Amino acid sequence: MKLPLNTDLTGKVAVVTGAGGVLCSMFARALAAAGAKVALLDINGEAVEKAAAAIRAEGYMAQGYKCDVLDKNALEAVREKVNAELGRCDILLNGAGGNNARANTDLEQYHPGDLEKEVKTFFDLEQAGVEWVFRLNFIGTLLPTQVFGKDMAEKEGCNIVNISSMNAFTPLTKIPAYSGAKAAISNFTQWLAVHFAPSGIRVNALAPGFFVTNQNRGLLFNPDGSPSERAGKILRETPMGRFGEAEELVGALLFLINNDAAGFITGVVLPVDGGFSAYSGV
């Protein structure tokens, strides 16, 4: 894997949650290519082991661990394994997250009379679905930070990187729970940065714009492969006029965890969005 920045992570141990997915498996691969020993965590054991095996096939050190980020006991057990097999954590990338259809509306806006239609309005959002989204995104970031942060609390040069979203800046229509949860991640990133500053742990976040992943592919493309109506809106509001490529997030990640380049940067939520957050639509 060709890296865009010369960030040397030799001797470091990196833990990546959500590492069975498209973006986080790529993050894990980049960290390994930079020299880190990488622990890949995901609730999907098959997916995370496949991702770890692919990294090992490239000659790097990586181990996959099946783990539910909402189960603190499971996280503690995995931490013991990681400590024994790779060492104590220096870098934590909190990538586990996602949305749930039960927390989405069918329409972008409510109009009088919608209650009489066969559509899911704001009033029909399921509490369980909304709670699931908040738990996965926020609690699924808080618990790994509590567990693996213990490894970093007494070490120097450690980093936490959370994954926020464009939704945290401006909520997208139809997905109120996901937007709110990612806004919580951005706020939590700032809180953690202040809290851990005396210990030397730097805490920052990436806020990706629109990248095609397994989770959103069905929303962005029609069955025939053409962009959906929602994808068309996104592209019109993205000044660069395209979706991002997963590898285009790597440089931002390597910059944030590079203690020489970004040693005085903490509490930042860095957009990587092709200009989406800068464009007013006019």
C-alpha atoms as a PDB file:
ATOM      1  CA  MET A   1       0.000   0.000   0.000  1.00  0.00           C
ATOM      2  CA  LYS A   2       1.454   3.370  -1.018  1.00  0.00           C
ATOM      3  CA  LEU A   3       1.137   5.859   1.823  1.00  0.00           C
ATOM      4  CA  PRO A   4       0.714   9.594   1.154  1.00  0.00           C
ATOM      5  CA  LEU A   5       2.685  10.628   4.254  1.00  0.00           C
ATOM      6  CA  ASN A   6       5.822   9.303   5.892  1.00  0.00           C
ATOM      7  CA  THR A   7       4.363   8.635   9.332  1.00  0.00           C
ATOM      8  CA  ASP A   8       6.537   6.045  11.059  1.00  0.00           C
ATOM      9  CA  LEU A   9       4.553   3.890  13.492  1.00  0.00           C
ATOM     10  CA  THR A  10       7.232   1.276  14.057  1.00  0.00           C
ATOM     11  CA  GLY A  11       6.823  -0.244  17.512  1.00  0.00           C
ATOM     12  CA  LYS A  12       3.336   1.178  17.969  1.00  0.00           C
ATOM     13  CA  VAL A  13       0.192  -0.858  18.628  1.00  0.00           C
ATOM     14  CA  ALA A  14      -2.995   0.350  16.959  1.00  0.00           C
ATOM     15  CA  VAL A  15      -6.530  -0.808  17.765  1.00  0.00           C
ATOM     16  CA  VAL A  16      -9.224  -0.244  15.139  1.00  0.00           C
ATOM     17  CA  THR A  17     -12.896  -0.889  15.881  1.00  0.00           C
ATOM     18  CA  GLY A  18     -15.383  -1.511  13.096  1.00  0.00           C
ATOM     19  CA  ALA A  19     -12.465  -2.986  11.181  1.00  0.00           C
ATOM     20  CA  GLY A  20     -14.583  -5.422   9.199  1.00  0.00           C
ATOM     21  CA  GLY A  21     -16.020  -2.554   7.149  1.00  0.00           C
ATOM     22  CA  VAL A  22     -14.724  -0.884   4.000  1.00  0.00           C
ATOM     23  CA  LEU A  23     -13.256   2.281   5.519  1.00  0.00           C
ATOM     24  CA  CYS A  24     -11.948   0.905   8.807  1.00  0.00           C
ATOM     25  CA  SER A  25     -10.313  -2.139   7.228  1.00  0.00           C
ATOM     26  CA  MET A  26      -8.539   0.321   4.934  1.00  0.00           C
ATOM     27  CA  PHE A  27      -7.482   2.410   7.949  1.00  0.00           C
ATOM     28  CA  ALA A  28      -6.099  -0.733   9.581  1.00  0.00           C
ATOM     29  CA  ARG A  29      -4.179  -1.577   6.433  1.00  0.00           C
ATOM     30  CA  ALA A  30      -2.669   1.922   6.303  1.00  0.00           C
ATOM     31  CA  LEU A  31      -1.624   1.818   9.958  1.00  0.00           C
ATOM     32  CA  ALA A  32       0.027  -1.549   9.399  1.00  0.00           C
ATOM     33  CA  ALA A  33       1.815  -0.279   6.303  1.00  0.00           C
ATOM     34  CA  ALA A  34       3.157   2.589   8.429  1.00  0.00           C
ATOM     35  CA  GLY A  35       4.733   0.036  10.762  1.00  0.00           C
ATOM     36  CA  ALA A  36       2.148  -0.467  13.499  1.00  0.00           C
ATOM     37  CA  LYS A  37       1.034  -3.792  14.914  1.00  0.00           C
ATOM     38  CA  VAL A  38      -2.711  -3.624  14.339  1.00  0.00           C
ATOM     39  CA  ALA A  39      -5.594  -5.194  16.259  1.00  0.00           C
ATOM     40  CA  LEU A  40      -8.753  -5.264  14.136  1.00  0.00           C
ATOM     41  CA  LEU A  41     -12.013  -5.472  16.130  1.00  0.00           C
ATOM     42  CA  ASP A  42     -15.475  -6.101  14.729  1.00  0.00           C
ATOM     43  CA  ILE A  43     -18.670  -7.880  15.732  1.00  0.00           C
ATOM     44  CA  ASN A  44     -18.413  -9.767  12.432  1.00  0.00           C
ATOM     45  CA  GLY A  45     -15.639 -12.221  13.226  1.00  0.00           C
ATOM     46  CA  GLU A  46     -15.401 -13.607   9.705  1.00  0.00           C
ATOM     47  CA  ALA A  47     -15.077 -10.174   8.113  1.00  0.00           C
ATOM     48  CA  VAL A  48     -12.456  -8.944  10.559  1.00  0.00           C
ATOM     49  CA  GLU A  49     -10.324 -12.068  10.261  1.00  0.00           C
ATOM     50  CA  LYS A  50     -10.473 -11.789   6.471  1.00  0.00           C
ATOM     51  CA  ALA A  51      -9.294  -8.172   6.706  1.00  0.00           C
ATOM     52  CA  ALA A  52      -6.482  -9.103   9.103  1.00  0.00           C
ATOM     53  CA  ALA A  53      -5.380 -11.989   6.880  1.00  0.00           C
ATOM     54  CA  ALA A  54      -5.187  -9.664   3.894  1.00  0.00           C
ATOM     55  CA  ILE A  55      -2.903  -7.336   5.854  1.00  0.00           C
ATOM     56  CA  ARG A  56      -0.690 -10.222   6.950  1.00  0.00           C
ATOM     57  CA  ALA A  57      -0.484 -11.388   3.328  1.00  0.00           C
ATOM     58  CA  GLU A  58       1.129  -8.036   2.516  1.00  0.00           C
ATOM     59  CA  GLY A  59       3.826  -8.735   5.087  1.00  0.00           C
ATOM     60  CA  TYR A  60       2.492  -6.644   7.981  1.00  0.00           C
ATOM     61  CA  MET A  61       1.451  -7.594  11.506  1.00  0.00           C
ATOM     62  CA  ALA A  62      -2.273  -7.743  12.203  1.00  0.00           C
ATOM     63  CA  GLN A  63      -4.686  -9.794  14.301  1.00  0.00           C
ATOM     64  CA  GLY A  64      -8.457  -9.940  14.044  1.00  0.00           C
ATOM     65  CA  TYR A  65     -10.684 -10.123  17.122  1.00  0.00           C
ATOM     66  CA  LYS A  66     -14.422 -10.686  17.188  1.00  0.00           C
ATOM     67  CA  CYS A  67     -15.803  -8.154  19.643  1.00  0.00           C
ATOM     68  CA  ASP A  68     -18.992  -6.224  20.390  1.00  0.00           C
ATOM     69  CA  VAL A  69     -18.043  -2.623  21.201  1.00  0.00           C
ATOM     70  CA  LEU A  70     -21.198  -2.359  23.335  1.00  0.00           C
ATOM     71  CA  ASP A  71     -20.007  -5.116  25.673  1.00  0.00           C
ATOM     72  CA  LYS A  72     -17.423  -3.752  28.086  1.00  0.00           C
ATOM     73  CA  ASN A  73     -16.553  -7.180  29.459  1.00  0.00           C
ATOM     74  CA  ALA A  74     -15.855  -8.426  25.930  1.00  0.00           C
ATOM     75  CA  LEU A  75     -13.697  -5.373  25.284  1.00  0.00           C
ATOM     76  CA  GLU A  76     -11.724  -6.002  28.464  1.00  0.00           C
ATOM     77  CA  ALA A  77     -11.149  -9.608  27.414  1.00  0.00           C
ATOM     78  CA  VAL A  78      -9.944  -8.523  23.971  1.00  0.00           C
ATOM     79  CA  ARG A  79      -7.680  -5.922  25.537  1.00  0.00           C
ATOM     80  CA  GLU A  80      -5.973  -8.691  27.517  1.00  0.00           C
ATOM     81  CA  LYS A  81      -5.432 -10.671  24.312  1.00  0.00           C
ATOM     82  CA  VAL A  82      -4.129  -7.629  22.423  1.00  0.00           C
ATOM     83  CA  ASN A  83      -1.742  -6.777  25.267  1.00  0.00           C
ATOM     84  CA  ALA A  84      -0.427 -10.337  25.307  1.00  0.00           C
ATOM     85  CA  GLU A  85      -0.165 -10.810  21.537  1.00  0.00           C
ATOM     86  CA  LEU A  86       0.741  -7.336  20.256  1.00  0.00           C
ATOM     87  CA  GLY A  87       1.417  -5.067  23.223  1.00  0.00           C
ATOM     88  CA  ARG A  88      -0.291  -2.139  24.922  1.00  0.00           C
ATOM     89  CA  CYS A  89      -2.334   0.218  22.776  1.00  0.00           C
ATOM     90  CA  ASP A  90      -0.755   3.454  21.493  1.00  0.00           C
ATOM     91  CA  ILE A  91      -3.367   4.407  18.884  1.00  0.00           C
ATOM     92  CA  LEU A  92      -7.122   3.870  19.107  1.00  0.00           C
ATOM     93  CA  LEU A  93      -9.298   4.446  16.070  1.00  0.00           C
ATOM     94  CA  ASN A  94     -12.973   4.349  17.027  1.00  0.00           C
ATOM     95  CA  GLY A  95     -14.579   3.387  13.737  1.00  0.00           C
ATOM     96  CA  ALA A  96     -17.536   1.259  14.821  1.00  0.00           C
ATOM     97  CA  GLY A  97     -20.821   2.926  13.928  1.00  0.00           C
ATOM     98  CA  GLY A  98     -23.768   2.900  11.599  1.00  0.00           C
ATOM     99  CA  ASN A  99     -27.415   3.708  11.048  1.00  0.00           C
ATOM    100  CA  ASN A 100     -30.678   1.775  11.269  1.00  0.00           C
ATOM    101  CA  ALA A 101     -33.719   2.034   9.005  1.00  0.00           C
ATOM    102  CA  ARG A 102     -36.027   2.092  12.037  1.00  0.00           C
ATOM    103  CA  ALA A 103     -34.578   5.511  12.920  1.00  0.00           C
ATOM    104  CA  ASN A 104     -35.137   7.051   9.452  1.00  0.00           C
ATOM    105  CA  THR A 105     -38.054   8.952   7.956  1.00  0.00           C
ATOM    106  CA  ASP A 106     -39.315   8.187   4.461  1.00  0.00           C
ATOM    107  CA  LEU A 107     -39.653  11.827   3.443  1.00  0.00           C
ATOM    108  CA  GLU A 108     -37.261  14.734   3.712  1.00  0.00           C
ATOM    109  CA  GLN A 109     -39.897  17.065   5.159  1.00  0.00           C
ATOM    110  CA  TYR A 110     -43.226  16.710   6.890  1.00  0.00           C
ATOM    111  CA  HIS A 111     -46.207  18.200   5.094  1.00  0.00           C
ATOM    112  CA  PRO A 112     -49.768  18.477   6.399  1.00  0.00           C
ATOM    113  CA  GLY A 113     -51.646  15.330   5.544  1.00  0.00           C
ATOM    114  CA  ASP A 114     -48.633  13.005   5.665  1.00  0.00           C
ATOM    115  CA  LEU A 115     -50.080  11.260   8.705  1.00  0.00           C
ATOM    116  CA  GLU A 116     -52.825   9.914   6.476  1.00  0.00           C
ATOM    117  CA  LYS A 117     -50.352   8.480   3.963  1.00  0.00           C
ATOM    118  CA  GLU A 118     -48.526   5.148   3.924  1.00  0.00           C
ATOM    119  CA  VAL A 119     -45.182   6.739   4.786  1.00  0.00           C
ATOM    120  CA  LYS A 120     -42.999   6.728   7.882  1.00  0.00           C
ATOM    121  CA  THR A 121     -42.954  10.206   9.344  1.00  0.00           C
ATOM    122  CA  PHE A 122     -41.011  11.655  12.259  1.00  0.00           C
ATOM    123  CA  PHE A 123     -43.873  10.555  14.502  1.00  0.00           C
ATOM    124  CA  ASP A 124     -43.342   6.933  13.474  1.00  0.00           C
ATOM    125  CA  LEU A 125     -39.648   6.664  14.363  1.00  0.00           C
ATOM    126  CA  GLU A 126     -39.110   3.642  16.579  1.00  0.00           C
ATOM    127  CA  GLN A 127     -37.573   4.348  19.974  1.00  0.00           C
ATOM    128  CA  ALA A 128     -35.633   1.087  19.832  1.00  0.00           C
ATOM    129  CA  GLY A 129     -34.146   2.031  16.473  1.00  0.00           C
ATOM    130  CA  VAL A 130     -33.103   5.488  17.648  1.00  0.00           C
ATOM    131  CA  GLU A 131     -31.586   4.039  20.816  1.00  0.00           C
ATOM    132  CA  TRP A 132     -29.708   1.433  18.772  1.00  0.00           C
ATOM    133  CA  VAL A 133     -28.122   4.149  16.610  1.00  0.00           C
ATOM    134  CA  PHE A 134     -27.079   6.239  19.594  1.00  0.00           C
ATOM    135  CA  ARG A 135     -25.701   3.233  21.442  1.00  0.00           C
ATOM    136  CA  LEU A 136     -23.668   1.931  18.521  1.00  0.00           C
ATOM    137  CA  ASN A 137     -22.160   5.284  17.601  1.00  0.00           C
ATOM    138  CA  PHE A 138     -21.724   7.008  20.961  1.00  0.00           C
ATOM    139  CA  ILE A 139     -21.534   4.210  23.528  1.00  0.00           C
ATOM    140  CA  GLY A 140     -19.593   2.200  20.936  1.00  0.00           C
ATOM    141  CA  THR A 141     -16.966   4.944  21.044  1.00  0.00           C
ATOM    142  CA  LEU A 142     -17.068   5.633  24.777  1.00  0.00           C
ATOM    143  CA  LEU A 143     -16.528   2.029  25.933  1.00  0.00           C
ATOM    144  CA  PRO A 144     -13.483   1.221  23.745  1.00  0.00           C
ATOM    145  CA  THR A 145     -11.976   4.532  24.859  1.00  0.00           C
ATOM    146  CA  GLN A 146     -12.483   3.609  28.507  1.00  0.00           C
ATOM    147  CA  VAL A 147     -10.942   0.180  27.987  1.00  0.00           C
ATOM    148  CA  PHE A 148      -7.996   0.863  25.680  1.00  0.00           C
ATOM    149  CA  GLY A 149      -7.449   4.352  27.039  1.00  0.00           C
ATOM    150  CA  LYS A 150      -6.067   2.704  30.177  1.00  0.00           C
ATOM    151  CA  ASP A 151      -3.130   1.483  28.081  1.00  0.00           C
ATOM    152  CA  MET A 152      -2.424   5.022  26.904  1.00  0.00           C
ATOM    153  CA  ALA A 153      -3.005   6.968  30.112  1.00  0.00           C
ATOM    154  CA  GLU A 154       0.532   6.457  31.429  1.00  0.00           C
ATOM    155  CA  LYS A 155       2.386   6.421  28.078  1.00  0.00           C
ATOM    156  CA  GLU A 156       3.702   9.226  25.908  1.00  0.00           C
ATOM    157  CA  GLY A 157       2.744  10.078  22.354  1.00  0.00           C
ATOM    158  CA  CYS A 158      -0.607   8.283  22.223  1.00  0.00           C
ATOM    159  CA  ASN A 159      -3.527   9.146  19.984  1.00  0.00           C
ATOM    160  CA  ILE A 160      -7.269   8.597  19.759  1.00  0.00           C
ATOM    161  CA  VAL A 161      -9.045   9.217  16.463  1.00  0.00           C
ATOM    162  CA  ASN A 162     -12.832   9.117  16.338  1.00  0.00           C
ATOM    163  CA  ILE A 163     -14.963   8.927  13.216  1.00  0.00           C
ATOM    164  CA  SER A 164     -17.500  11.722  12.985  1.00  0.00           C
ATOM    165  CA  SER A 165     -19.376  12.711   9.810  1.00  0.00           C
ATOM    166  CA  MET A 166     -20.647  15.546   7.661  1.00  0.00           C
ATOM    167  CA  ASN A 167     -23.939  14.958   9.471  1.00  0.00           C
ATOM    168  CA  ALA A 168     -22.340  16.395  12.593  1.00  0.00           C
ATOM    169  CA  PHE A 169     -21.939  19.779  10.874  1.00  0.00           C
ATOM    170  CA  THR A 170     -25.260  19.896   9.032  1.00  0.00           C
ATOM    171  CA  PRO A 171     -27.814  17.128   9.609  1.00  0.00           C
ATOM    172  CA  LEU A 172     -28.955  15.333   6.500  1.00  0.00           C
ATOM    173  CA  THR A 173     -32.639  14.799   5.898  1.00  0.00           C
ATOM    174  CA  LYS A 174     -34.284  11.472   6.805  1.00  0.00           C
ATOM    175  CA  ILE A 175     -31.611  10.362   9.309  1.00  0.00           C
ATOM    176  CA  PRO A 176     -32.088  12.364  12.537  1.00  0.00           C
ATOM    177  CA  ALA A 177     -30.704   9.739  14.908  1.00  0.00           C
ATOM    178  CA  TYR A 178     -27.509   9.151  12.946  1.00  0.00           C
ATOM    179  CA  SER A 179     -26.938  12.889  12.525  1.00  0.00           C
ATOM    180  CA  GLY A 180     -27.447  13.470  16.238  1.00  0.00           C
ATOM    181  CA  ALA A 181     -25.196  10.582  17.184  1.00  0.00           C
ATOM    182  CA  LYS A 182     -22.352  11.837  15.015  1.00  0.00           C
ATOM    183  CA  ALA A 183     -22.767  15.345  16.441  1.00  0.00           C
ATOM    184  CA  ALA A 184     -22.312  13.700  19.837  1.00  0.00           C
ATOM    185  CA  ILE A 185     -19.072  12.111  18.583  1.00  0.00           C
ATOM    186  CA  SER A 186     -17.709  15.505  17.553  1.00  0.00           C
ATOM    187  CA  ASN A 187     -18.592  16.982  20.945  1.00  0.00           C
ATOM    188  CA  PHE A 188     -17.158  13.955  22.760  1.00  0.00           C
ATOM    189  CA  THR A 189     -13.927  14.320  20.777  1.00  0.00           C
ATOM    190  CA  GLN A 190     -13.512  17.849  22.094  1.00  0.00           C
ATOM    191  CA  TRP A 191     -14.386  16.772  25.636  1.00  0.00           C
ATOM    192  CA  LEU A 192     -11.856  13.944  25.555  1.00  0.00           C
ATOM    193  CA  ALA A 193      -9.179  16.241  24.112  1.00  0.00           C
ATOM    194  CA  VAL A 194      -9.519  18.555  27.107  1.00  0.00           C
ATOM    195  CA  HIS A 195      -9.797  15.724  29.620  1.00  0.00           C
ATOM    196  CA  PHE A 196      -6.719  13.857  28.396  1.00  0.00           C
ATOM    197  CA  ALA A 197      -4.512  16.851  27.572  1.00  0.00           C
ATOM    198  CA  PRO A 198      -2.470  16.618  30.813  1.00  0.00           C
ATOM    199  CA  SER A 199      -1.688  12.961  30.056  1.00  0.00           C
ATOM    200  CA  GLY A 200      -0.403  13.780  26.568  1.00  0.00           C
ATOM    201  CA  ILE A 201      -3.074  11.788  24.733  1.00  0.00           C
ATOM    202  CA  ARG A 202      -4.210  13.743  21.696  1.00  0.00           C
ATOM    203  CA  VAL A 203      -7.825  13.201  20.610  1.00  0.00           C
ATOM    204  CA  ASN A 204      -9.081  14.214  17.181  1.00  0.00           C
ATOM    205  CA  ALA A 205     -11.708  13.084  14.699  1.00  0.00           C
ATOM    206  CA  LEU A 206     -12.172  12.635  10.987  1.00  0.00           C
ATOM    207  CA  ALA A 207     -15.434  13.809   9.440  1.00  0.00           C
ATOM    208  CA  PRO A 208     -15.738  12.020   6.098  1.00  0.00           C
ATOM    209  CA  GLY A 209     -17.951  13.455   3.419  1.00  0.00           C
ATOM    210  CA  PHE A 210     -19.522  11.007   1.028  1.00  0.00           C
ATOM    211  CA  PHE A 211     -17.699   7.777   0.379  1.00  0.00           C
ATOM    212  CA  VAL A 212     -19.304   4.675  -1.060  1.00  0.00           C
ATOM    213  CA  THR A 213     -19.444   1.876   1.527  1.00  0.00           C
ATOM    214  CA  ASN A 214     -21.376  -1.351   1.967  1.00  0.00           C
ATOM    215  CA  GLN A 215     -23.804   0.475   4.273  1.00  0.00           C
ATOM    216  CA  ASN A 216     -24.767   3.276   1.907  1.00  0.00           C
ATOM    217  CA  ARG A 217     -24.334   1.700  -1.528  1.00  0.00           C
ATOM    218  CA  GLY A 218     -28.043   0.891  -1.782  1.00  0.00           C
ATOM    219  CA  LEU A 219     -28.951   4.512  -0.996  1.00  0.00           C
ATOM    220  CA  LEU A 220     -26.532   6.034  -3.490  1.00  0.00           C
ATOM    221  CA  PHE A 221     -27.058   3.791  -6.505  1.00  0.00           C
ATOM    222  CA  ASN A 222     -30.037   2.298  -8.301  1.00  0.00           C
ATOM    223  CA  PRO A 223     -30.095  -1.427  -9.164  1.00  0.00           C
ATOM    224  CA  ASP A 224     -28.835  -0.584 -12.670  1.00  0.00           C
ATOM    225  CA  GLY A 225     -25.776   1.189 -11.223  1.00  0.00           C
ATOM    226  CA  SER A 226     -26.922   4.730 -11.956  1.00  0.00           C
ATOM    227  CA  PRO A 227     -26.793   7.340  -9.165  1.00  0.00           C
ATOM    228  CA  SER A 228     -29.958   7.612  -7.089  1.00  0.00           C
ATOM    229  CA  GLU A 229     -31.838  10.870  -6.653  1.00  0.00           C
ATOM    230  CA  ARG A 230     -30.198  11.319  -3.254  1.00  0.00           C
ATOM    231  CA  ALA A 231     -26.760  10.712  -4.765  1.00  0.00           C
ATOM    232  CA  GLY A 232     -27.484  13.367  -7.369  1.00  0.00           C
ATOM    233  CA  LYS A 233     -28.237  15.886  -4.633  1.00  0.00           C
ATOM    234  CA  ILE A 234     -25.037  14.998  -2.808  1.00  0.00           C
ATOM    235  CA  LEU A 235     -22.914  15.411  -5.910  1.00  0.00           C
ATOM    236  CA  ARG A 236     -24.528  18.755  -6.725  1.00  0.00           C
ATOM    237  CA  GLU A 237     -23.670  19.980  -3.213  1.00  0.00           C
ATOM    238  CA  THR A 238     -20.082  18.700  -3.370  1.00  0.00           C
ATOM    239  CA  PRO A 239     -17.933  21.281  -5.177  1.00  0.00           C
ATOM    240  CA  MET A 240     -15.501  18.612  -6.366  1.00  0.00           C
ATOM    241  CA  GLY A 241     -18.446  16.858  -8.003  1.00  0.00           C
ATOM    242  CA  ARG A 242     -17.659  13.274  -7.007  1.00  0.00           C
ATOM    243  CA  PHE A 243     -17.650  10.777  -4.162  1.00  0.00           C
ATOM    244  CA  GLY A 244     -14.452  10.353  -2.202  1.00  0.00           C
ATOM    245  CA  GLU A 245     -12.157   7.381  -2.605  1.00  0.00           C
ATOM    246  CA  ALA A 246     -11.472   5.506   0.630  1.00  0.00           C
ATOM    247  CA  GLU A 247      -7.709   5.990   0.251  1.00  0.00           C
ATOM    248  CA  GLU A 248      -8.236   9.767   0.310  1.00  0.00           C
ATOM    249  CA  LEU A 249      -8.877   9.531   4.055  1.00  0.00           C
ATOM    250  CA  VAL A 250      -5.494   7.979   4.782  1.00  0.00           C
ATOM    251  CA  GLY A 251      -3.456  11.165   4.568  1.00  0.00           C
ATOM    252  CA  ALA A 252      -5.670  12.924   7.100  1.00  0.00           C
ATOM    253  CA  LEU A 253      -5.437   9.977   9.494  1.00  0.00           C
ATOM    254  CA  LEU A 254      -1.659   9.708   9.218  1.00  0.00           C
ATOM    255  CA  PHE A 255      -1.313  13.453   9.712  1.00  0.00           C
ATOM    256  CA  LEU A 256      -3.423  13.515  12.877  1.00  0.00           C
ATOM    257  CA  ILE A 257      -1.488  10.678  14.526  1.00  0.00           C
ATOM    258  CA  ASN A 258       1.924  11.996  13.470  1.00  0.00           C
ATOM    259  CA  ASN A 259       3.287  13.499  16.676  1.00  0.00           C
ATOM    260  CA  ASP A 260       5.928  15.483  14.825  1.00  0.00           C
ATOM    261  CA  ALA A 261       3.533  17.030  12.313  1.00  0.00           C
ATOM    262  CA  ALA A 262       0.452  17.428  14.528  1.00  0.00           C
ATOM    263  CA  GLY A 263       1.838  17.425  18.051  1.00  0.00           C
ATOM    264  CA  PHE A 264      -0.030  20.629  19.020  1.00  0.00           C
ATOM    265  CA  ILE A 265      -3.329  19.596  17.443  1.00  0.00           C
ATOM    266  CA  THR A 266      -6.031  18.143  19.673  1.00  0.00           C
ATOM    267  CA  GLY A 267      -9.814  18.481  19.774  1.00  0.00           C
ATOM    268  CA  VAL A 268     -10.078  18.956  16.003  1.00  0.00           C
ATOM    269  CA  VAL A 269     -12.796  17.479  13.793  1.00  0.00           C
ATOM    270  CA  LEU A 270     -11.254  17.426  10.316  1.00  0.00           C
ATOM    271  CA  PRO A 271     -13.622  17.376   7.327  1.00  0.00           C
ATOM    272  CA  VAL A 272     -12.543  15.284   4.344  1.00  0.00           C
ATOM    273  CA  ASP A 273     -15.462  16.077   2.102  1.00  0.00           C
ATOM    274  CA  GLY A 274     -14.594  17.543  -1.290  1.00  0.00           C
ATOM    275  CA  GLY A 275     -15.818  20.956  -0.112  1.00  0.00           C
ATOM    276  CA  PHE A 276     -19.310  19.813   0.949  1.00  0.00           C
ATOM    277  CA  SER A 277     -19.191  21.618   4.302  1.00  0.00           C
ATOM    278  CA  ALA A 278     -17.984  24.841   2.657  1.00  0.00           C
ATOM    279  CA  TYR A 279     -20.728  25.089   0.025  1.00  0.00           C
ATOM    280  CA  SER A 280     -23.936  26.977   0.771  1.00  0.00           C
ATOM    281  CA  GLY A 281     -25.757  25.566  -2.243  1.00  0.00           C
ATOM    282  CA  VAL A 282     -25.793  28.968  -3.944  1.00  0.00           C
END
